[in-house]
Amino acid sequence: TEFGKGSARRTRRAGRVPAVIYGHG
């Protein structure tokens, strides 16, 4: 629910990878 470089760094520090999923409309 949070975006931007700071949020992405916090996500990676938590042991996770930021991602998006799309397709099939």
mmCIF file of all heavy atoms, coordinates in Angstrom:
data_MODEL
# 
_entry.id   MODEL 
# 
loop_
_atom_site.group_PDB 
_atom_site.id 
_atom_site.type_symbol 
_atom_site.label_atom_id 
_atom_site.label_alt_id 
_atom_site.label_comp_id 
_atom_site.label_asym_id 
_atom_site.label_entity_id 
_atom_site.label_seq_id 
_atom_site.pdbx_PDB_ins_code 
_atom_site.Cartn_x 
_atom_site.Cartn_y 
_atom_site.Cartn_z 
_atom_site.occupancy 
_atom_site.B_iso_or_equiv 
_atom_site.pdbx_formal_charge 
_atom_site.auth_seq_id 
_atom_site.auth_comp_id 
_atom_site.auth_asym_id 
_atom_site.auth_atom_id 
_atom_site.pdbx_PDB_model_num 
ATOM 1   N N   . THR A 1 1  ? 0.818  -1.212  0.000   1.00 0.00 ? 1  THR A N   1 
ATOM 2   C CA  . THR A 1 1  ? 0.000  0.000   0.000   1.00 0.00 ? 1  THR A CA  1 
ATOM 3   C C   . THR A 1 1  ? 0.853  1.264   0.000   1.00 0.00 ? 1  THR A C   1 
ATOM 4   O O   . THR A 1 1  ? 0.330  2.369   -0.183  1.00 0.00 ? 1  THR A O   1 
ATOM 5   C CB  . THR A 1 1  ? -0.929 0.019   1.223   1.00 0.00 ? 1  THR A CB  1 
ATOM 6   O OG1 . THR A 1 1  ? -0.143 -0.088  2.418   1.00 0.00 ? 1  THR A OG1 1 
ATOM 7   C CG2 . THR A 1 1  ? -1.912 -1.149  1.165   1.00 0.00 ? 1  THR A CG2 1 
ATOM 8   N N   . GLU A 1 2  ? 2.164  1.117   0.219   1.00 0.00 ? 2  GLU A N   1 
ATOM 9   C CA  . GLU A 1 2  ? 3.087  2.254   0.184   1.00 0.00 ? 2  GLU A CA  1 
ATOM 10  C C   . GLU A 1 2  ? 4.010  2.105   -1.009  1.00 0.00 ? 2  GLU A C   1 
ATOM 11  O O   . GLU A 1 2  ? 4.405  0.992   -1.371  1.00 0.00 ? 2  GLU A O   1 
ATOM 12  C CB  . GLU A 1 2  ? 3.911  2.326   1.478   1.00 0.00 ? 2  GLU A CB  1 
ATOM 13  C CG  . GLU A 1 2  ? 3.087  2.578   2.727   1.00 0.00 ? 2  GLU A CG  1 
ATOM 14  C CD  . GLU A 1 2  ? 3.963  2.674   3.963   1.00 0.00 ? 2  GLU A CD  1 
ATOM 15  O OE1 . GLU A 1 2  ? 5.182  2.374   3.843   1.00 0.00 ? 2  GLU A OE1 1 
ATOM 16  O OE2 . GLU A 1 2  ? 3.454  3.050   5.032   1.00 0.00 ? 2  GLU A OE2 1 
ATOM 17  N N   . PHE A 1 3  ? 4.361  3.238   -1.612  1.00 0.00 ? 3  PHE A N   1 
ATOM 18  C CA  . PHE A 1 3  ? 5.182  3.202   -2.816  1.00 0.00 ? 3  PHE A CA  1 
ATOM 19  C C   . PHE A 1 3  ? 6.323  4.210   -2.693  1.00 0.00 ? 3  PHE A C   1 
ATOM 20  O O   . PHE A 1 3  ? 6.387  4.993   -1.748  1.00 0.00 ? 3  PHE A O   1 
ATOM 21  C CB  . PHE A 1 3  ? 4.318  3.495   -4.047  1.00 0.00 ? 3  PHE A CB  1 
ATOM 22  C CG  . PHE A 1 3  ? 3.067  2.648   -4.111  1.00 0.00 ? 3  PHE A CG  1 
ATOM 23  C CD1 . PHE A 1 3  ? 1.844  3.178   -3.739  1.00 0.00 ? 3  PHE A CD1 1 
ATOM 24  C CD2 . PHE A 1 3  ? 3.128  1.328   -4.506  1.00 0.00 ? 3  PHE A CD2 1 
ATOM 25  C CE1 . PHE A 1 3  ? 0.694  2.404   -3.781  1.00 0.00 ? 3  PHE A CE1 1 
ATOM 26  C CE2 . PHE A 1 3  ? 1.992  0.542   -4.547  1.00 0.00 ? 3  PHE A CE2 1 
ATOM 27  C CZ  . PHE A 1 3  ? 0.770  1.086   -4.176  1.00 0.00 ? 3  PHE A CZ  1 
ATOM 28  N N   . GLY A 1 4  ? 7.214  4.193   -3.672  1.00 0.00 ? 4  GLY A N   1 
ATOM 29  C CA  . GLY A 1 4  ? 8.368  5.084   -3.646  1.00 0.00 ? 4  GLY A CA  1 
ATOM 30  C C   . GLY A 1 4  ? 9.628  4.352   -3.217  1.00 0.00 ? 4  GLY A C   1 
ATOM 31  O O   . GLY A 1 4  ? 9.583  3.208   -2.748  1.00 0.00 ? 4  GLY A O   1 
ATOM 32  N N   . LYS A 1 5  ? 10.764 5.035   -3.351  1.00 0.00 ? 5  LYS A N   1 
ATOM 33  C CA  . LYS A 1 5  ? 12.054 4.429   -3.049  1.00 0.00 ? 5  LYS A CA  1 
ATOM 34  C C   . LYS A 1 5  ? 12.180 4.053   -1.569  1.00 0.00 ? 5  LYS A C   1 
ATOM 35  O O   . LYS A 1 5  ? 12.713 2.997   -1.223  1.00 0.00 ? 5  LYS A O   1 
ATOM 36  C CB  . LYS A 1 5  ? 13.188 5.374   -3.442  1.00 0.00 ? 5  LYS A CB  1 
ATOM 37  C CG  . LYS A 1 5  ? 13.314 5.589   -4.947  1.00 0.00 ? 5  LYS A CG  1 
ATOM 38  C CD  . LYS A 1 5  ? 14.496 6.480   -5.275  1.00 0.00 ? 5  LYS A CD  1 
ATOM 39  C CE  . LYS A 1 5  ? 14.644 6.643   -6.792  1.00 0.00 ? 5  LYS A CE  1 
ATOM 40  N NZ  . LYS A 1 5  ? 15.790 7.530   -7.132  1.00 0.00 ? 5  LYS A NZ  1 
ATOM 41  N N   . GLY A 1 6  ? 11.693 4.922   -0.700  1.00 0.00 ? 6  GLY A N   1 
ATOM 42  C CA  . GLY A 1 6  ? 11.794 4.636   0.723   1.00 0.00 ? 6  GLY A CA  1 
ATOM 43  C C   . GLY A 1 6  ? 11.000 3.398   1.107   1.00 0.00 ? 6  GLY A C   1 
ATOM 44  O O   . GLY A 1 6  ? 11.474 2.551   1.868   1.00 0.00 ? 6  GLY A O   1 
ATOM 45  N N   . SER A 1 7  ? 9.798  3.287   0.556   1.00 0.00 ? 7  SER A N   1 
ATOM 46  C CA  . SER A 1 7  ? 8.969  2.119   0.844   1.00 0.00 ? 7  SER A CA  1 
ATOM 47  C C   . SER A 1 7  ? 9.609  0.849   0.294   1.00 0.00 ? 7  SER A C   1 
ATOM 48  O O   . SER A 1 7  ? 9.588  -0.198  0.949   1.00 0.00 ? 7  SER A O   1 
ATOM 49  C CB  . SER A 1 7  ? 7.583  2.309   0.226   1.00 0.00 ? 7  SER A CB  1 
ATOM 50  O OG  . SER A 1 7  ? 6.813  1.132   0.344   1.00 0.00 ? 7  SER A OG  1 
ATOM 51  N N   . ALA A 1 8  ? 10.198 0.955   -0.911  1.00 0.00 ? 8  ALA A N   1 
ATOM 52  C CA  . ALA A 1 8  ? 10.845 -0.211  -1.515  1.00 0.00 ? 8  ALA A CA  1 
ATOM 53  C C   . ALA A 1 8  ? 12.032 -0.678  -0.675  1.00 0.00 ? 8  ALA A C   1 
ATOM 54  O O   . ALA A 1 8  ? 12.239 -1.887  -0.493  1.00 0.00 ? 8  ALA A O   1 
ATOM 55  C CB  . ALA A 1 8  ? 11.298 0.125   -2.929  1.00 0.00 ? 8  ALA A CB  1 
ATOM 56  N N   . ARG A 1 9  ? 12.796 0.266   -0.130  1.00 0.00 ? 9  ARG A N   1 
ATOM 57  C CA  . ARG A 1 9  ? 13.933 -0.101  0.717   1.00 0.00 ? 9  ARG A CA  1 
ATOM 58  C C   . ARG A 1 9  ? 13.453 -0.800  1.989   1.00 0.00 ? 9  ARG A C   1 
ATOM 59  O O   . ARG A 1 9  ? 14.054 -1.782  2.437   1.00 0.00 ? 9  ARG A O   1 
ATOM 60  C CB  . ARG A 1 9  ? 14.764 1.141   1.062   1.00 0.00 ? 9  ARG A CB  1 
ATOM 61  C CG  . ARG A 1 9  ? 15.655 1.625   -0.067  1.00 0.00 ? 9  ARG A CG  1 
ATOM 62  C CD  . ARG A 1 9  ? 16.695 2.600   0.449   1.00 0.00 ? 9  ARG A CD  1 
ATOM 63  N NE  . ARG A 1 9  ? 16.060 3.828   0.903   1.00 0.00 ? 9  ARG A NE  1 
ATOM 64  C CZ  . ARG A 1 9  ? 15.869 4.910   0.140   1.00 0.00 ? 9  ARG A CZ  1 
ATOM 65  N NH1 . ARG A 1 9  ? 16.248 4.887   -1.129  1.00 0.00 ? 9  ARG A NH1 1 
ATOM 66  N NH2 . ARG A 1 9  ? 15.291 5.991   0.633   1.00 0.00 ? 9  ARG A NH2 1 
ATOM 67  N N   . ARG A 1 10 ? 12.376 -0.303  2.560   1.00 0.00 ? 10 ARG A N   1 
ATOM 68  C CA  . ARG A 1 10 ? 11.848 -0.934  3.772   1.00 0.00 ? 10 ARG A CA  1 
ATOM 69  C C   . ARG A 1 10 ? 11.350 -2.353  3.464   1.00 0.00 ? 10 ARG A C   1 
ATOM 70  O O   . ARG A 1 10 ? 11.526 -3.276  4.287   1.00 0.00 ? 10 ARG A O   1 
ATOM 71  C CB  . ARG A 1 10 ? 10.715 -0.087  4.359   1.00 0.00 ? 10 ARG A CB  1 
ATOM 72  C CG  . ARG A 1 10 ? 11.193 1.193   5.023   1.00 0.00 ? 10 ARG A CG  1 
ATOM 73  C CD  . ARG A 1 10 ? 10.090 1.848   5.823   1.00 0.00 ? 10 ARG A CD  1 
ATOM 74  N NE  . ARG A 1 10 ? 9.006  2.342   4.958   1.00 0.00 ? 10 ARG A NE  1 
ATOM 75  C CZ  . ARG A 1 10 ? 9.001  3.535   4.391   1.00 0.00 ? 10 ARG A CZ  1 
ATOM 76  N NH1 . ARG A 1 10 ? 10.029 4.374   4.569   1.00 0.00 ? 10 ARG A NH1 1 
ATOM 77  N NH2 . ARG A 1 10 ? 7.981  3.918   3.648   1.00 0.00 ? 10 ARG A NH2 1 
ATOM 78  N N   . THR A 1 11 ? 10.752 -2.522  2.297   1.00 0.00 ? 11 THR A N   1 
ATOM 79  C CA  . THR A 1 11 ? 10.266 -3.850  1.898   1.00 0.00 ? 11 THR A CA  1 
ATOM 80  C C   . THR A 1 11 ? 11.429 -4.817  1.764   1.00 0.00 ? 11 THR A C   1 
ATOM 81  O O   . THR A 1 11 ? 11.361 -5.967  2.237   1.00 0.00 ? 11 THR A O   1 
ATOM 82  C CB  . THR A 1 11 ? 9.503  -3.766  0.562   1.00 0.00 ? 11 THR A CB  1 
ATOM 83  O OG1 . THR A 1 11 ? 8.372  -2.907  0.717   1.00 0.00 ? 11 THR A OG1 1 
ATOM 84  C CG2 . THR A 1 11 ? 9.040  -5.139  0.107   1.00 0.00 ? 11 THR A CG2 1 
ATOM 85  N N   . ARG A 1 12 ? 12.516 -4.369  1.140   1.00 0.00 ? 12 ARG A N   1 
ATOM 86  C CA  . ARG A 1 12 ? 13.678 -5.249  0.960   1.00 0.00 ? 12 ARG A CA  1 
ATOM 87  C C   . ARG A 1 12 ? 14.358 -5.541  2.288   1.00 0.00 ? 12 ARG A C   1 
ATOM 88  O O   . ARG A 1 12 ? 14.852 -6.653  2.500   1.00 0.00 ? 12 ARG A O   1 
ATOM 89  C CB  . ARG A 1 12 ? 14.649 -4.616  -0.044  1.00 0.00 ? 12 ARG A CB  1 
ATOM 90  C CG  . ARG A 1 12 ? 14.138 -4.634  -1.488  1.00 0.00 ? 12 ARG A CG  1 
ATOM 91  C CD  . ARG A 1 12 ? 15.226 -4.248  -2.459  1.00 0.00 ? 12 ARG A CD  1 
ATOM 92  N NE  . ARG A 1 12 ? 15.536 -2.827  -2.398  1.00 0.00 ? 12 ARG A NE  1 
ATOM 93  C CZ  . ARG A 1 12 ? 14.944 -1.897  -3.138  1.00 0.00 ? 12 ARG A CZ  1 
ATOM 94  N NH1 . ARG A 1 12 ? 13.988 -2.244  -3.996  1.00 0.00 ? 12 ARG A NH1 1 
ATOM 95  N NH2 . ARG A 1 12 ? 15.283 -0.625  -3.039  1.00 0.00 ? 12 ARG A NH2 1 
ATOM 96  N N   . ARG A 1 13 ? 14.408 -4.553  3.178   1.00 0.00 ? 13 ARG A N   1 
ATOM 97  C CA  . ARG A 1 13 ? 15.008 -4.797  4.496   1.00 0.00 ? 13 ARG A CA  1 
ATOM 98  C C   . ARG A 1 13 ? 14.202 -5.831  5.279   1.00 0.00 ? 13 ARG A C   1 
ATOM 99  O O   . ARG A 1 13 ? 14.747 -6.536  6.142   1.00 0.00 ? 13 ARG A O   1 
ATOM 100 C CB  . ARG A 1 13 ? 15.111 -3.482  5.291   1.00 0.00 ? 13 ARG A CB  1 
ATOM 101 C CG  . ARG A 1 13 ? 16.262 -2.591  4.885   1.00 0.00 ? 13 ARG A CG  1 
ATOM 102 C CD  . ARG A 1 13 ? 16.579 -1.574  5.975   1.00 0.00 ? 13 ARG A CD  1 
ATOM 103 N NE  . ARG A 1 13 ? 15.473 -0.672  6.206   1.00 0.00 ? 13 ARG A NE  1 
ATOM 104 C CZ  . ARG A 1 13 ? 15.312 0.509   5.597   1.00 0.00 ? 13 ARG A CZ  1 
ATOM 105 N NH1 . ARG A 1 13 ? 16.225 0.918   4.715   1.00 0.00 ? 13 ARG A NH1 1 
ATOM 106 N NH2 . ARG A 1 13 ? 14.280 1.279   5.871   1.00 0.00 ? 13 ARG A NH2 1 
ATOM 107 N N   . ALA A 1 14 ? 12.918 -5.934  4.981   1.00 0.00 ? 14 ALA A N   1 
ATOM 108 C CA  . ALA A 1 14 ? 12.058 -6.912  5.650   1.00 0.00 ? 14 ALA A CA  1 
ATOM 109 C C   . ALA A 1 14 ? 12.162 -8.291  5.020   1.00 0.00 ? 14 ALA A C   1 
ATOM 110 O O   . ALA A 1 14 ? 11.432 -9.210  5.416   1.00 0.00 ? 14 ALA A O   1 
ATOM 111 C CB  . ALA A 1 14 ? 10.606 -6.437  5.615   1.00 0.00 ? 14 ALA A CB  1 
ATOM 112 N N   . GLY A 1 15 ? 13.073 -8.435  4.041   1.00 0.00 ? 15 GLY A N   1 
ATOM 113 C CA  . GLY A 1 15 ? 13.278 -9.738  3.426   1.00 0.00 ? 15 GLY A CA  1 
ATOM 114 C C   . GLY A 1 15 ? 12.293 -10.053 2.318   1.00 0.00 ? 15 GLY A C   1 
ATOM 115 O O   . GLY A 1 15 ? 12.065 -11.228 2.006   1.00 0.00 ? 15 GLY A O   1 
ATOM 116 N N   . ARG A 1 16 ? 11.739 -9.016  1.689   1.00 0.00 ? 16 ARG A N   1 
ATOM 117 C CA  . ARG A 1 16 ? 10.774 -9.228  0.621   1.00 0.00 ? 16 ARG A CA  1 
ATOM 118 C C   . ARG A 1 16 ? 11.173 -8.406  -0.609  1.00 0.00 ? 16 ARG A C   1 
ATOM 119 O O   . ARG A 1 16 ? 11.983 -7.484  -0.521  1.00 0.00 ? 16 ARG A O   1 
ATOM 120 C CB  . ARG A 1 16 ? 9.365  -8.859  1.082   1.00 0.00 ? 16 ARG A CB  1 
ATOM 121 C CG  . ARG A 1 16 ? 8.919  -9.633  2.324   1.00 0.00 ? 16 ARG A CG  1 
ATOM 122 C CD  . ARG A 1 16 ? 7.469  -9.392  2.669   1.00 0.00 ? 16 ARG A CD  1 
ATOM 123 N NE  . ARG A 1 16 ? 6.564  -9.972  1.676   1.00 0.00 ? 16 ARG A NE  1 
ATOM 124 C CZ  . ARG A 1 16 ? 6.197  -11.238 1.655   1.00 0.00 ? 16 ARG A CZ  1 
ATOM 125 N NH1 . ARG A 1 16 ? 6.673  -12.096 2.563   1.00 0.00 ? 16 ARG A NH1 1 
ATOM 126 N NH2 . ARG A 1 16 ? 5.346  -11.684 0.758   1.00 0.00 ? 16 ARG A NH2 1 
ATOM 127 N N   . VAL A 1 17 ? 10.598 -8.773  -1.749  1.00 0.00 ? 17 VAL A N   1 
ATOM 128 C CA  . VAL A 1 17 ? 10.913 -8.101  -3.017  1.00 0.00 ? 17 VAL A CA  1 
ATOM 129 C C   . VAL A 1 17 ? 9.678  -7.368  -3.515  1.00 0.00 ? 17 VAL A C   1 
ATOM 130 O O   . VAL A 1 17 ? 8.605  -7.982  -3.665  1.00 0.00 ? 17 VAL A O   1 
ATOM 131 C CB  . VAL A 1 17 ? 11.352 -9.119  -4.089  1.00 0.00 ? 17 VAL A CB  1 
ATOM 132 C CG1 . VAL A 1 17 ? 11.738 -8.404  -5.376  1.00 0.00 ? 17 VAL A CG1 1 
ATOM 133 C CG2 . VAL A 1 17 ? 12.497 -9.978  -3.591  1.00 0.00 ? 17 VAL A CG2 1 
ATOM 134 N N   . PRO A 1 18 ? 9.767  -6.060  -3.783  1.00 0.00 ? 18 PRO A N   1 
ATOM 135 C CA  . PRO A 1 18 ? 8.632  -5.341  -4.371  1.00 0.00 ? 18 PRO A CA  1 
ATOM 136 C C   . PRO A 1 18 ? 8.307  -5.914  -5.749  1.00 0.00 ? 18 PRO A C   1 
ATOM 137 O O   . PRO A 1 18 ? 9.209  -6.248  -6.526  1.00 0.00 ? 18 PRO A O   1 
ATOM 138 C CB  . PRO A 1 18 ? 9.142  -3.900  -4.473  1.00 0.00 ? 18 PRO A CB  1 
ATOM 139 C CG  . PRO A 1 18 ? 10.276 -3.820  -3.504  1.00 0.00 ? 18 PRO A CG  1 
ATOM 140 C CD  . PRO A 1 18 ? 10.899 -5.177  -3.498  1.00 0.00 ? 18 PRO A CD  1 
ATOM 141 N N   . ALA A 1 19 ? 7.018  -6.020  -6.069  1.00 0.00 ? 19 ALA A N   1 
ATOM 142 C CA  . ALA A 1 19 ? 6.622  -6.615  -7.351  1.00 0.00 ? 19 ALA A CA  1 
ATOM 143 C C   . ALA A 1 19 ? 5.274  -6.070  -7.788  1.00 0.00 ? 19 ALA A C   1 
ATOM 144 O O   . ALA A 1 19 ? 4.534  -5.453  -7.000  1.00 0.00 ? 19 ALA A O   1 
ATOM 145 C CB  . ALA A 1 19 ? 6.552  -8.140  -7.217  1.00 0.00 ? 19 ALA A CB  1 
ATOM 146 N N   . VAL A 1 20 ? 4.974  -6.289  -9.068  1.00 0.00 ? 20 VAL A N   1 
ATOM 147 C CA  . VAL A 1 20 ? 3.646  -6.005  -9.612  1.00 0.00 ? 20 VAL A CA  1 
ATOM 148 C C   . VAL A 1 20 ? 3.213  -7.228  -10.409 1.00 0.00 ? 20 VAL A C   1 
ATOM 149 O O   . VAL A 1 20 ? 4.046  -7.969  -10.932 1.00 0.00 ? 20 VAL A O   1 
ATOM 150 C CB  . VAL A 1 20 ? 3.632  -4.754  -10.516 1.00 0.00 ? 20 VAL A CB  1 
ATOM 151 C CG1 . VAL A 1 20 ? 3.914  -3.497  -9.710  1.00 0.00 ? 20 VAL A CG1 1 
ATOM 152 C CG2 . VAL A 1 20 ? 4.641  -4.887  -11.662 1.00 0.00 ? 20 VAL A CG2 1 
ATOM 153 N N   . ILE A 1 21 ? 1.901  -7.428  -10.488 1.00 0.00 ? 21 ILE A N   1 
ATOM 154 C CA  . ILE A 1 21 ? 1.366  -8.529  -11.274 1.00 0.00 ? 21 ILE A CA  1 
ATOM 155 C C   . ILE A 1 21 ? 0.218  -7.988  -12.119 1.00 0.00 ? 21 ILE A C   1 
ATOM 156 O O   . ILE A 1 21 ? -0.593 -7.181  -11.642 1.00 0.00 ? 21 ILE A O   1 
ATOM 157 C CB  . ILE A 1 21 ? 0.907  -9.695  -10.371 1.00 0.00 ? 21 ILE A CB  1 
ATOM 158 C CG1 . ILE A 1 21 ? 0.506  -10.902 -11.213 1.00 0.00 ? 21 ILE A CG1 1 
ATOM 159 C CG2 . ILE A 1 21 ? -0.205 -9.272  -9.430  1.00 0.00 ? 21 ILE A CG2 1 
ATOM 160 C CD1 . ILE A 1 21 ? 0.275  -12.170 -10.390 1.00 0.00 ? 21 ILE A CD1 1 
ATOM 161 N N   . TYR A 1 22 ? 0.167  -8.400  -13.395 1.00 0.00 ? 22 TYR A N   1 
ATOM 162 C CA  . TYR A 1 22 ? -0.853 -7.879  -14.314 1.00 0.00 ? 22 TYR A CA  1 
ATOM 163 C C   . TYR A 1 22 ? -1.086 -8.887  -15.424 1.00 0.00 ? 22 TYR A C   1 
ATOM 164 O O   . TYR A 1 22 ? -0.382 -9.896  -15.545 1.00 0.00 ? 22 TYR A O   1 
ATOM 165 C CB  . TYR A 1 22 ? -0.411 -6.532  -14.899 1.00 0.00 ? 22 TYR A CB  1 
ATOM 166 C CG  . TYR A 1 22 ? 0.954  -6.556  -15.541 1.00 0.00 ? 22 TYR A CG  1 
ATOM 167 C CD1 . TYR A 1 22 ? 1.136  -6.938  -16.866 1.00 0.00 ? 22 TYR A CD1 1 
ATOM 168 C CD2 . TYR A 1 22 ? 2.092  -6.209  -14.801 1.00 0.00 ? 22 TYR A CD2 1 
ATOM 169 C CE1 . TYR A 1 22 ? 2.390  -6.978  -17.446 1.00 0.00 ? 22 TYR A CE1 1 
ATOM 170 C CE2 . TYR A 1 22 ? 3.351  -6.236  -15.369 1.00 0.00 ? 22 TYR A CE2 1 
ATOM 171 C CZ  . TYR A 1 22 ? 3.490  -6.621  -16.687 1.00 0.00 ? 22 TYR A CZ  1 
ATOM 172 O OH  . TYR A 1 22 ? 4.742  -6.669  -17.257 1.00 0.00 ? 22 TYR A OH  1 
ATOM 173 N N   . GLY A 1 23 ? -2.071 -8.592  -16.263 1.00 0.00 ? 23 GLY A N   1 
ATOM 174 C CA  . GLY A 1 23 ? -2.360 -9.459  -17.400 1.00 0.00 ? 23 GLY A CA  1 
ATOM 175 C C   . GLY A 1 23 ? -3.790 -9.964  -17.403 1.00 0.00 ? 23 GLY A C   1 
ATOM 176 O O   . GLY A 1 23 ? -4.496 -9.897  -16.395 1.00 0.00 ? 23 GLY A O   1 
ATOM 177 N N   . HIS A 1 24 ? -4.219 -10.437 -18.572 1.00 0.00 ? 24 HIS A N   1 
ATOM 178 C CA  . HIS A 1 24 ? -5.572 -10.967 -18.750 1.00 0.00 ? 24 HIS A CA  1 
ATOM 179 C C   . HIS A 1 24 ? -6.642 -9.956  -18.347 1.00 0.00 ? 24 HIS A C   1 
ATOM 180 O O   . HIS A 1 24 ? -7.685 -10.306 -17.782 1.00 0.00 ? 24 HIS A O   1 
ATOM 181 C CB  . HIS A 1 24 ? -5.749 -12.279 -17.983 1.00 0.00 ? 24 HIS A CB  1 
ATOM 182 C CG  . HIS A 1 24 ? -5.152 -13.462 -18.679 1.00 0.00 ? 24 HIS A CG  1 
ATOM 183 N ND1 . HIS A 1 24 ? -5.786 -14.150 -19.696 1.00 0.00 ? 24 HIS A ND1 1 
ATOM 184 C CD2 . HIS A 1 24 ? -3.949 -14.067 -18.525 1.00 0.00 ? 24 HIS A CD2 1 
ATOM 185 C CE1 . HIS A 1 24 ? -5.020 -15.136 -20.128 1.00 0.00 ? 24 HIS A CE1 1 
ATOM 186 N NE2 . HIS A 1 24 ? -3.885 -15.109 -19.434 1.00 0.00 ? 24 HIS A NE2 1 
ATOM 187 N N   . GLY A 1 25 ? -6.381 -8.703  -18.646 1.00 0.00 ? 25 GLY A N   1 
ATOM 188 C CA  . GLY A 1 25 ? -7.375 -7.665  -18.401 1.00 0.00 ? 25 GLY A CA  1 
ATOM 189 C C   . GLY A 1 25 ? -7.508 -7.222  -16.964 1.00 0.00 ? 25 GLY A C   1 
ATOM 190 O O   . GLY A 1 25 ? -8.340 -6.349  -16.654 1.00 0.00 ? 25 GLY A O   1 
# 
